[in-house]
Amino acid sequence: MSQQDDLTAVQRRLDELVNRVGELEQTVEQLRHGPPSPAATPRPPDRSGLPDLVHIPDTPYNSALWTDSDDEGLGLRDRHAP
């Protein structure tokens, strides 16, 4: 890249930085003046096409579910590991 290309890229980055700082200043001003109105509140992301979340309870599982299961890598429950 030539020096002129480098200067152009730097100027573009500085312009972008100035725009972002301006946006940040506006956001800070809005936060200082209280909560935004409901119309200005951002909507949650669109979840169409995604499966609904599954709630997993904190209660322990019934131990009968594991009665005939093998311990992975250890073999059957009533036998010792090698």
Protein backbone atom coordinates (compact mmCIF):
# COMPACT_ATOMS: atom_id res chain seq x y z
CA MET A 1 0.00 0.00 0.00
CA SER A 2 1.14 3.48 -0.74
CA GLN A 3 1.37 6.20 1.82
CA GLN A 4 -1.74 7.86 0.38
CA ASP A 5 -3.71 4.61 0.74
CA ASP A 6 -2.55 4.33 4.34
CA LEU A 7 -3.63 7.91 5.09
CA THR A 8 -7.01 7.31 3.47
CA ALA A 9 -7.54 4.15 5.56
CA VAL A 10 -6.56 6.01 8.75
CA GLN A 11 -8.94 8.87 7.91
CA ARG A 12 -11.75 6.39 7.29
CA ARG A 13 -11.09 4.72 10.65
CA LEU A 14 -11.01 8.09 12.42
CA ASP A 15 -14.33 9.07 10.84
CA GLU A 16 -15.81 5.77 12.00
CA LEU A 17 -14.45 6.34 15.52
CA VAL A 18 -15.94 9.85 15.64
CA ASN A 19 -19.34 8.45 14.58
CA ARG A 20 -19.22 5.70 17.21
CA VAL A 21 -18.24 8.15 19.96
CA GLY A 22 -21.18 10.35 18.91
CA GLU A 23 -23.54 7.39 19.16
CA LEU A 24 -22.12 6.51 22.57
CA GLU A 25 -22.60 10.08 23.80
CA GLN A 26 -26.24 10.00 22.67
CA THR A 27 -26.80 6.71 24.47
CA VAL A 28 -25.27 8.08 27.68
CA GLU A 29 -27.50 11.16 27.46
CA GLN A 30 -30.59 8.98 27.03
CA LEU A 31 -29.61 6.89 30.04
CA ARG A 32 -29.11 10.00 32.17
CA HIS A 33 -32.59 11.29 31.38
CA GLY A 34 -34.37 8.14 32.54
CA PRO A 35 -35.65 4.98 30.92
CA PRO A 36 -36.55 5.14 27.25
CA SER A 37 -40.16 5.19 26.18
CA PRO A 38 -41.70 1.80 25.29
CA ALA A 39 -41.60 2.69 21.59
CA ALA A 40 -37.82 3.23 21.79
CA THR A 41 -37.17 0.00 23.70
CA PRO A 42 -35.35 -2.51 21.50
CA ARG A 43 -37.27 -5.67 20.73
CA PRO A 44 -35.81 -9.05 21.63
CA PRO A 45 -34.26 -10.92 18.72
CA ASP A 46 -36.58 -12.88 16.47
CA ARG A 47 -36.58 -16.51 17.55
CA SER A 48 -38.65 -17.84 14.67
CA GLY A 49 -37.44 -21.20 13.53
CA LEU A 50 -35.72 -21.94 16.85
CA PRO A 51 -37.14 -24.57 19.22
CA ASP A 52 -38.67 -23.40 22.49
CA LEU A 53 -36.47 -23.60 25.56
CA VAL A 54 -36.95 -26.68 27.72
CA HIS A 55 -37.21 -26.15 31.46
CA ILE A 56 -35.20 -28.70 33.46
CA PRO A 57 -36.36 -28.91 37.08
CA ASP A 58 -33.91 -28.72 39.98
CA THR A 59 -35.51 -31.65 41.77
CA PRO A 60 -33.48 -34.87 41.83
CA TYR A 61 -34.38 -37.65 39.41
CA ASN A 62 -36.16 -40.76 40.63
CA SER A 63 -33.45 -43.33 41.45
CA ALA A 64 -35.60 -46.06 39.87
CA LEU A 65 -34.62 -44.61 36.49
CA TRP A 66 -31.08 -45.91 37.02
CA THR A 67 -31.86 -49.37 38.44
CA ASP A 68 -30.71 -51.47 35.46
CA SER A 69 -28.17 -49.06 34.02
CA ASP A 70 -24.46 -49.69 33.60
CA ASP A 71 -21.88 -47.21 34.83
CA GLU A 72 -20.02 -46.05 31.77
CA GLY A 73 -16.57 -47.55 31.71
CA LEU A 74 -17.05 -49.38 35.00
CA GLY A 75 -19.38 -52.20 34.02
CA LEU A 76 -22.37 -53.37 36.02
CA ARG A 77 -23.15 -51.91 39.44
CA ASP A 78 -22.83 -55.21 41.35
CA ARG A 79 -19.38 -56.04 39.92
CA HIS A 80 -15.99 -54.48 40.57
CA ALA A 81 -14.05 -52.62 37.92
CA PRO A 82 -11.01 -54.49 36.55
